[in-house]
């Protein structure tokens, strides 16, 4: 049986606020990067194909938002391994 000491439990509860902010701010920047990649990728494709309606910009941006949301949720609900 592997029982934890009270000191170990206290250390686990006390996490650095800096680590907390770093984790979530990096997640935010990663999600923004995914969305911008979809938007600018769609714009580049639409510029080359010269369609009347920017369909690739719309579709890739919406797809990138969905992917970024799924990625963000997986990271938020991932077990804390650190």
PDB file of N, CA and C in Angstrom:
ATOM      1  N   UNK A   1       0.822  -1.175   0.000  1.00  0.00           N
ATOM      2  CA  UNK A   1       0.000   0.000   0.000  1.00  0.00           C
ATOM      3  C   UNK A   1       0.870   1.244   0.000  1.00  0.00           C
ATOM      4  N   UNK A   2       0.510   2.189  -0.826  1.00  0.00           N
ATOM      5  CA  UNK A   2       1.305   3.393  -0.960  1.00  0.00           C
ATOM      6  C   UNK A   2       0.516   4.577  -0.405  1.00  0.00           C
ATOM      7  N   UNK A   3       0.675   4.849   0.891  1.00  0.00           N
ATOM      8  CA  UNK A   3      -0.031   5.956   1.526  1.00  0.00           C
ATOM      9  C   UNK A   3       0.826   7.210   1.473  1.00  0.00           C
ATOM     10  N   UNK A   4       0.164   8.334   1.268  1.00  0.00           N
ATOM     11  CA  UNK A   4       0.889   9.599   1.193  1.00  0.00           C
ATOM     12  C   UNK A   4       0.932  10.256   2.566  1.00  0.00           C
ATOM     13  N   UNK A   5       2.024  10.937   2.806  1.00  0.00           N
ATOM     14  CA  UNK A   5       2.181  11.672   4.048  1.00  0.00           C
ATOM     15  C   UNK A   5       1.405  12.989   3.949  1.00  0.00           C
ATOM     16  N   UNK A   6       0.989  13.555   5.065  1.00  0.00           N
ATOM     17  CA  UNK A   6       0.273  14.842   5.024  1.00  0.00           C
ATOM     18  C   UNK A   6       1.090  15.953   4.375  1.00  0.00           C
ATOM     19  N   UNK A   7       2.414  15.913   4.538  1.00  0.00           N
ATOM     20  CA  UNK A   7       3.258  16.935   3.912  1.00  0.00           C
ATOM     21  C   UNK A   7       3.199  16.847   2.387  1.00  0.00           C
ATOM     22  N   UNK A   8       3.151  15.624   1.867  1.00  0.00           N
ATOM     23  CA  UNK A   8       3.081  15.427   0.422  1.00  0.00           C
ATOM     24  C   UNK A   8       1.747  15.925  -0.132  1.00  0.00           C
ATOM     25  N   UNK A   9       0.683  15.700   0.614  1.00  0.00           N
ATOM     26  CA  UNK A   9      -0.630  16.157   0.172  1.00  0.00           C
ATOM     27  C   UNK A   9      -0.669  17.679   0.136  1.00  0.00           C
ATOM     28  N   UNK A  10      -0.066  18.328   1.146  1.00  0.00           N
ATOM     29  CA  UNK A  10      -0.017  19.786   1.164  1.00  0.00           C
ATOM     30  C   UNK A  10       0.783  20.334  -0.007  1.00  0.00           C
ATOM     31  N   UNK A  11       1.876  19.666  -0.364  1.00  0.00           N
ATOM     32  CA  UNK A  11       2.689  20.120  -1.491  1.00  0.00           C
ATOM     33  C   UNK A  11       1.914  20.004  -2.806  1.00  0.00           C
ATOM     34  N   UNK A  12       1.116  18.948  -2.950  1.00  0.00           N
ATOM     35  CA  UNK A  12       0.336  18.770  -4.167  1.00  0.00           C
ATOM     36  C   UNK A  12      -0.735  19.842  -4.296  1.00  0.00           C
ATOM     37  N   UNK A  13      -1.325  20.241  -3.171  1.00  0.00           N
ATOM     38  CA  UNK A  13      -2.373  21.249  -3.211  1.00  0.00           C
ATOM     39  C   UNK A  13      -1.820  22.626  -3.525  1.00  0.00           C
ATOM     40  N   UNK A  14      -0.612  22.915  -3.062  1.00  0.00           N
ATOM     41  CA  UNK A  14       0.000  24.220  -3.272  1.00  0.00           C
ATOM     42  C   UNK A  14       0.782  24.203  -4.576  1.00  0.00           C
ATOM     43  N   UNK A  15       0.165  24.659  -5.632  1.00  0.00           N
ATOM     44  CA  UNK A  15       0.862  24.768  -6.894  1.00  0.00           C
ATOM     45  C   UNK A  15       1.170  26.230  -7.146  1.00  0.00           C
ATOM     46  N   UNK A  16       2.218  26.458  -7.836  1.00  0.00           N
ATOM     47  CA  UNK A  16       2.656  27.817  -8.105  1.00  0.00           C
ATOM     48  C   UNK A  16       1.657  28.528  -9.015  1.00  0.00           C
ATOM     49  N   UNK A  17       1.263  29.758  -8.683  1.00  0.00           N
ATOM     50  CA  UNK A  17       0.363  30.508  -9.566  1.00  0.00           C
ATOM     51  C   UNK A  17       1.004  30.774 -10.920  1.00  0.00           C
ATOM     52  N   UNK A  18       2.311  30.917 -10.933  1.00  0.00           N
ATOM     53  CA  UNK A  18       3.006  31.147 -12.191  1.00  0.00           C
ATOM     54  C   UNK A  18       2.869  29.946 -13.118  1.00  0.00           C
ATOM     55  N   UNK A  19       2.966  28.755 -12.558  1.00  0.00           N
ATOM     56  CA  UNK A  19       2.794  27.538 -13.364  1.00  0.00           C
ATOM     57  C   UNK A  19       1.372  27.456 -13.909  1.00  0.00           C
ATOM     58  N   UNK A  20       0.404  27.833 -13.089  1.00  0.00           N
ATOM     59  CA  UNK A  20      -0.995  27.850 -13.504  1.00  0.00           C
ATOM     60  C   UNK A  20      -1.205  28.793 -14.686  1.00  0.00           C
ATOM     61  N   UNK A  21      -0.703  30.021 -14.577  1.00  0.00           N
ATOM     62  CA  UNK A  21      -0.865  31.000 -15.649  1.00  0.00           C
ATOM     63  C   UNK A  21      -0.093  30.612 -16.901  1.00  0.00           C
ATOM     64  N   UNK A  22       1.078  30.039 -16.733  1.00  0.00           N
ATOM     65  CA  UNK A  22       1.875  29.617 -17.885  1.00  0.00           C
ATOM     66  C   UNK A  22       1.167  28.522 -18.668  1.00  0.00           C
ATOM     67  N   UNK A  23       0.551  27.588 -17.950  1.00  0.00           N
ATOM     68  CA  UNK A  23      -0.143  26.484 -18.614  1.00  0.00           C
ATOM     69  C   UNK A  23      -1.296  26.994 -19.473  1.00  0.00           C
ATOM     70  N   UNK A  24      -2.118  27.849 -18.897  1.00  0.00           N
ATOM     71  CA  UNK A  24      -3.306  28.294 -19.616  1.00  0.00           C
ATOM     72  C   UNK A  24      -3.006  29.377 -20.641  1.00  0.00           C
ATOM     73  N   UNK A  25      -2.000  30.186 -20.418  1.00  0.00           N
ATOM     74  CA  UNK A  25      -1.662  31.171 -21.441  1.00  0.00           C
ATOM     75  C   UNK A  25      -1.019  30.492 -22.648  1.00  0.00           C
ATOM     76  N   UNK A  26      -0.225  29.451 -22.424  1.00  0.00           N
ATOM     77  CA  UNK A  26       0.345  28.728 -23.562  1.00  0.00           C
ATOM     78  C   UNK A  26      -0.748  27.997 -24.337  1.00  0.00           C
ATOM     79  N   UNK A  27      -1.734  27.471 -23.626  1.00  0.00           N
ATOM     80  CA  UNK A  27      -2.865  26.831 -24.293  1.00  0.00           C
ATOM     81  C   UNK A  27      -3.622  27.841 -25.153  1.00  0.00           C
ATOM     82  N   UNK A  28      -3.797  29.052 -24.633  1.00  0.00           N
ATOM     83  CA  UNK A  28      -4.479  30.108 -25.385  1.00  0.00           C
ATOM     84  C   UNK A  28      -3.727  30.441 -26.662  1.00  0.00           C
ATOM     85  N   UNK A  29      -2.412  30.614 -26.562  1.00  0.00           N
ATOM     86  CA  UNK A  29      -1.624  30.951 -27.743  1.00  0.00           C
ATOM     87  C   UNK A  29      -1.628  29.813 -28.772  1.00  0.00           C
ATOM     88  N   UNK A  30      -1.641  28.584 -28.312  1.00  0.00           N
ATOM     89  CA  UNK A  30      -1.696  27.459 -29.235  1.00  0.00           C
ATOM     90  C   UNK A  30      -3.030  27.422 -29.975  1.00  0.00           C
ATOM     91  N   UNK A  31      -4.113  27.704 -29.256  1.00  0.00           N
ATOM     92  CA  UNK A  31      -5.424  27.719 -29.898  1.00  0.00           C
ATOM     93  C   UNK A  31      -5.529  28.864 -30.903  1.00  0.00           C
ATOM     94  N   UNK A  32      -4.986  30.023 -30.548  1.00  0.00           N
ATOM     95  CA  UNK A  32      -4.990  31.161 -31.476  1.00  0.00           C
ATOM     96  C   UNK A  32      -4.182  30.831 -32.721  1.00  0.00           C
ATOM     97  N   UNK A  33      -3.048  30.159 -32.548  1.00  0.00           N
ATOM     98  CA  UNK A  33      -2.210  29.787 -33.691  1.00  0.00           C
ATOM     99  C   UNK A  33      -2.947  28.837 -34.633  1.00  0.00           C
ATOM    100  N   UNK A  34      -3.697  27.890 -34.089  1.00  0.00           N
ATOM    101  CA  UNK A  34      -4.456  26.951 -34.915  1.00  0.00           C
ATOM    102  C   UNK A  34      -5.509  27.699 -35.726  1.00  0.00           C
ATOM    103  N   UNK A  35      -6.220  28.614 -35.078  1.00  0.00           N
ATOM    104  CA  UNK A  35      -7.276  29.360 -35.765  1.00  0.00           C
ATOM    105  C   UNK A  35      -6.688  30.272 -36.834  1.00  0.00           C
ATOM    106  N   UNK A  36      -5.595  30.959 -36.526  1.00  0.00           N
ATOM    107  CA  UNK A  36      -4.973  31.841 -37.523  1.00  0.00           C
ATOM    108  C   UNK A  36      -4.408  31.051 -38.701  1.00  0.00           C
ATOM    109  N   UNK A  37      -3.878  29.875 -38.431  1.00  0.00           N
ATOM    110  CA  UNK A  37      -3.373  29.042 -39.526  1.00  0.00           C
ATOM    111  C   UNK A  37      -4.509  28.658 -40.470  1.00  0.00           C
ATOM    112  N   UNK A  38      -5.660  28.320 -39.916  1.00  0.00           N
ATOM    113  CA  UNK A  38      -6.809  27.993 -40.761  1.00  0.00           C
ATOM    114  C   UNK A  38      -7.297  29.189 -41.553  1.00  0.00           C
ATOM    115  N   UNK A  39      -7.376  30.345 -40.911  1.00  0.00           N
ATOM    116  CA  UNK A  39      -7.874  31.547 -41.586  1.00  0.00           C
ATOM    117  C   UNK A  39      -6.931  32.002 -42.698  1.00  0.00           C
ATOM    118  N   UNK A  40      -5.634  32.088 -42.393  1.00  0.00           N
ATOM    119  CA  UNK A  40      -4.689  32.544 -43.417  1.00  0.00           C
ATOM    120  C   UNK A  40      -4.456  31.497 -44.494  1.00  0.00           C
ATOM    121  N   UNK A  41      -4.543  30.230 -44.117  1.00  0.00           N
ATOM    122  CA  UNK A  41      -4.456  29.184 -45.133  1.00  0.00           C
ATOM    123  C   UNK A  41      -5.621  29.249 -46.098  1.00  0.00           C
ATOM    124  N   UNK A  42      -6.813  29.477 -45.565  1.00  0.00           N
ATOM    125  CA  UNK A  42      -7.988  29.630 -46.425  1.00  0.00           C
ATOM    126  C   UNK A  42      -7.896  30.847 -47.321  1.00  0.00           C
ATOM    127  N   UNK A  43      -7.375  31.944 -46.781  1.00  0.00           N
ATOM    128  CA  UNK A  43      -7.205  33.156 -47.600  1.00  0.00           C
ATOM    129  C   UNK A  43      -6.215  32.924 -48.726  1.00  0.00           C
ATOM    130  N   UNK A  44      -5.137  32.189 -48.434  1.00  0.00           N
ATOM    131  CA  UNK A  44      -4.133  31.917 -49.460  1.00  0.00           C
ATOM    132  C   UNK A  44      -4.717  31.053 -50.579  1.00  0.00           C
ATOM    133  N   UNK A  45      -5.487  30.054 -50.211  1.00  0.00           N
ATOM    134  CA  UNK A  45      -6.111  29.195 -51.228  1.00  0.00           C
ATOM    135  C   UNK A  45      -7.127  29.990 -52.044  1.00  0.00           C
ATOM    136  N   UNK A  46      -7.939  30.818 -51.388  1.00  0.00           N
ATOM    137  CA  UNK A  46      -8.922  31.629 -52.105  1.00  0.00           C
ATOM    138  C   UNK A  46      -8.258  32.649 -53.023  1.00  0.00           C
ATOM    139  N   UNK A  47      -7.118  33.171 -52.634  1.00  0.00           N
ATOM    140  CA  UNK A  47      -6.412  34.137 -53.478  1.00  0.00           C
ATOM    141  C   UNK A  47      -5.910  33.479 -54.761  1.00  0.00           C
ATOM    142  N   UNK A  48      -5.497  32.220 -54.660  1.00  0.00           N
ATOM    143  CA  UNK A  48      -4.999  31.524 -55.853  1.00  0.00           C
ATOM    144  C   UNK A  48      -6.129  31.067 -56.766  1.00  0.00           C
ATOM    145  N   UNK A  49      -7.268  30.717 -56.184  1.00  0.00           N
ATOM    146  CA  UNK A  49      -8.361  30.179 -56.994  1.00  0.00           C
ATOM    147  C   UNK A  49      -9.318  31.262 -57.492  1.00  0.00           C
ATOM    148  N   UNK A  50      -9.291  32.422 -56.894  1.00  0.00           N
ATOM    149  CA  UNK A  50     -10.120  33.587 -57.255  1.00  0.00           C
ATOM    150  C   UNK A  50     -11.602  33.238 -57.440  1.00  0.00           C
ATOM    151  N   UNK A  51     -12.172  32.589 -56.435  1.00  0.00           N
ATOM    152  CA  UNK A  51     -13.617  32.367 -56.437  1.00  0.00           C
ATOM    153  C   UNK A  51     -14.321  33.657 -56.043  1.00  0.00           C
ATOM    154  N   UNK A  52     -15.593  33.748 -56.397  1.00  0.00           N
ATOM    155  CA  UNK A  52     -16.377  34.931 -56.053  1.00  0.00           C
ATOM    156  C   UNK A  52     -16.616  35.006 -54.548  1.00  0.00           C
ATOM    157  N   UNK A  53     -16.904  33.854 -53.932  1.00  0.00           N
ATOM    158  CA  UNK A  53     -17.134  33.787 -52.491  1.00  0.00           C
ATOM    159  C   UNK A  53     -15.935  33.100 -51.842  1.00  0.00           C
ATOM    160  N   UNK A  54     -15.396  33.624 -50.751  1.00  0.00           N
ATOM    161  CA  UNK A  54     -14.202  33.028 -50.116  1.00  0.00           C
ATOM    162  C   UNK A  54     -14.534  31.755 -49.326  1.00  0.00           C
ATOM    163  N   UNK A  55     -14.892  30.716 -50.034  1.00  0.00           N
ATOM    164  CA  UNK A  55     -15.368  29.490 -49.396  1.00  0.00           C
ATOM    165  C   UNK A  55     -14.292  28.803 -48.559  1.00  0.00           C
ATOM    166  N   UNK A  56     -13.050  28.779 -49.045  1.00  0.00           N
ATOM    167  CA  UNK A  56     -11.996  28.108 -48.297  1.00  0.00           C
ATOM    168  C   UNK A  56     -11.665  28.857 -47.007  1.00  0.00           C
ATOM    169  N   UNK A  57     -11.725  30.171 -47.039  1.00  0.00           N
ATOM    170  CA  UNK A  57     -11.493  30.948 -45.819  1.00  0.00           C
ATOM    171  C   UNK A  57     -12.543  30.622 -44.776  1.00  0.00           C
ATOM    172  N   UNK A  58     -13.788  30.579 -45.184  1.00  0.00           N
ATOM    173  CA  UNK A  58     -14.877  30.297 -44.251  1.00  0.00           C
ATOM    174  C   UNK A  58     -14.771  28.872 -43.713  1.00  0.00           C
ATOM    175  N   UNK A  59     -14.615  27.922 -44.603  1.00  0.00           N
ATOM    176  CA  UNK A  59     -14.590  26.515 -44.189  1.00  0.00           C
ATOM    177  C   UNK A  59     -13.369  26.207 -43.323  1.00  0.00           C
ATOM    178  N   UNK A  60     -12.199  26.648 -43.728  1.00  0.00           N
ATOM    179  CA  UNK A  60     -11.000  26.347 -42.954  1.00  0.00           C
ATOM    180  C   UNK A  60     -10.977  27.084 -41.616  1.00  0.00           C
ATOM    181  N   UNK A  61     -11.546  28.279 -41.560  1.00  0.00           N
ATOM    182  CA  UNK A  61     -11.606  28.987 -40.284  1.00  0.00           C
ATOM    183  C   UNK A  61     -12.544  28.274 -39.315  1.00  0.00           C
ATOM    184  N   UNK A  62     -13.704  27.859 -39.793  1.00  0.00           N
ATOM    185  CA  UNK A  62     -14.642  27.126 -38.936  1.00  0.00           C
ATOM    186  C   UNK A  62     -14.034  25.793 -38.505  1.00  0.00           C
ATOM    187  N   UNK A  63     -13.395  25.103 -39.408  1.00  0.00           N
ATOM    188  CA  UNK A  63     -12.733  23.841 -39.077  1.00  0.00           C
ATOM    189  C   UNK A  63     -11.617  24.058 -38.053  1.00  0.00           C
ATOM    190  N   UNK A  64     -10.860  25.139 -38.210  1.00  0.00           N
ATOM    191  CA  UNK A  64      -9.783  25.436 -37.268  1.00  0.00           C
ATOM    192  C   UNK A  64     -10.328  25.771 -35.883  1.00  0.00           C
ATOM    193  N   UNK A  65     -11.454  26.458 -35.814  1.00  0.00           N
ATOM    194  CA  UNK A  65     -12.071  26.757 -34.519  1.00  0.00           C
ATOM    195  C   UNK A  65     -12.515  25.464 -33.837  1.00  0.00           C
ATOM    196  N   UNK A  66     -13.092  24.560 -34.594  1.00  0.00           N
ATOM    197  CA  UNK A  66     -13.521  23.276 -34.035  1.00  0.00           C
ATOM    198  C   UNK A  66     -12.318  22.478 -33.535  1.00  0.00           C
ATOM    199  N   UNK A  67     -11.267  22.430 -34.336  1.00  0.00           N
ATOM    200  CA  UNK A  67     -10.059  21.700 -33.948  1.00  0.00           C
ATOM    201  C   UNK A  67      -9.421  22.327 -32.709  1.00  0.00           C
ATOM    202  N   UNK A  68      -9.351  23.657 -32.665  1.00  0.00           N
ATOM    203  CA  UNK A  68      -8.760  24.346 -31.515  1.00  0.00           C
ATOM    204  C   UNK A  68      -9.588  24.112 -30.260  1.00  0.00           C
ATOM    205  N   UNK A  69     -10.905  24.070 -30.395  1.00  0.00           N
ATOM    206  CA  UNK A  69     -11.768  23.817 -29.244  1.00  0.00           C
ATOM    207  C   UNK A  69     -11.569  22.399 -28.712  1.00  0.00           C
ATOM    208  N   UNK A  70     -11.516  21.431 -29.608  1.00  0.00           N
ATOM    209  CA  UNK A  70     -11.282  20.048 -29.199  1.00  0.00           C
ATOM    210  C   UNK A  70      -9.916  19.913 -28.540  1.00  0.00           C
ATOM    211  N   UNK A  71      -8.916  20.536 -29.123  1.00  0.00           N
ATOM    212  CA  UNK A  71      -7.569  20.504 -28.548  1.00  0.00           C
ATOM    213  C   UNK A  71      -7.555  21.138 -27.154  1.00  0.00           C
ATOM    214  N   UNK A  72      -8.203  22.274 -27.021  1.00  0.00           N
ATOM    215  CA  UNK A  72      -8.258  22.958 -25.738  1.00  0.00           C
ATOM    216  C   UNK A  72      -8.963  22.140 -24.678  1.00  0.00           C
ATOM    217  N   UNK A  73     -10.067  21.516 -25.044  1.00  0.00           N
ATOM    218  CA  UNK A  73     -10.797  20.686 -24.080  1.00  0.00           C
ATOM    219  C   UNK A  73      -9.978  19.473 -23.643  1.00  0.00           C
ATOM    220  N   UNK A  74      -9.276  18.864 -24.589  1.00  0.00           N
ATOM    221  CA  UNK A  74      -8.440  17.709 -24.231  1.00  0.00           C
ATOM    222  C   UNK A  74      -7.328  18.126 -23.275  1.00  0.00           C
ATOM    223  N   UNK A  75      -6.747  19.289 -23.493  1.00  0.00           N
ATOM    224  CA  UNK A  75      -5.688  19.753 -22.615  1.00  0.00           C
ATOM    225  C   UNK A  75      -6.224  20.160 -21.244  1.00  0.00           C
ATOM    226  N   UNK A  76      -7.404  20.743 -21.205  1.00  0.00           N
ATOM    227  CA  UNK A  76      -7.986  21.160 -19.926  1.00  0.00           C
ATOM    228  C   UNK A  76      -8.352  19.971 -19.056  1.00  0.00           C
ATOM    229  N   UNK A  77      -8.864  18.919 -19.660  1.00  0.00           N
ATOM    230  CA  UNK A  77      -9.325  17.777 -18.896  1.00  0.00           C
ATOM    231  C   UNK A  77      -8.290  16.671 -18.758  1.00  0.00           C
ATOM    232  N   UNK A  78      -7.090  16.922 -19.261  1.00  0.00           N
ATOM    233  CA  UNK A  78      -6.023  15.939 -19.131  1.00  0.00           C
ATOM    234  C   UNK A  78      -5.594  15.867 -17.671  1.00  0.00           C
ATOM    235  N   UNK A  79      -5.290  14.680 -17.230  1.00  0.00           N
ATOM    236  CA  UNK A  79      -4.819  14.498 -15.856  1.00  0.00           C
ATOM    237  C   UNK A  79      -3.520  15.261 -15.660  1.00  0.00           C
ATOM    238  N   UNK A  80      -3.373  15.851 -14.511  1.00  0.00           N
ATOM    239  CA  UNK A  80      -2.182  16.620 -14.197  1.00  0.00           C
ATOM    240  C   UNK A  80      -1.030  15.668 -13.935  1.00  0.00           C
ATOM    241  N   UNK A  81      -0.144  15.536 -14.902  1.00  0.00           N
ATOM    242  CA  UNK A  81       0.962  14.585 -14.792  1.00  0.00           C
ATOM    243  C   UNK A  81       2.215  15.236 -14.204  1.00  0.00           C
ATOM    244  N   UNK A  82       2.196  16.548 -13.992  1.00  0.00           N
ATOM    245  CA  UNK A  82       3.374  17.238 -13.465  1.00  0.00           C
ATOM    246  C   UNK A  82       3.294  17.397 -11.981  1.00  0.00           C
TER     247      UNK A  82
END
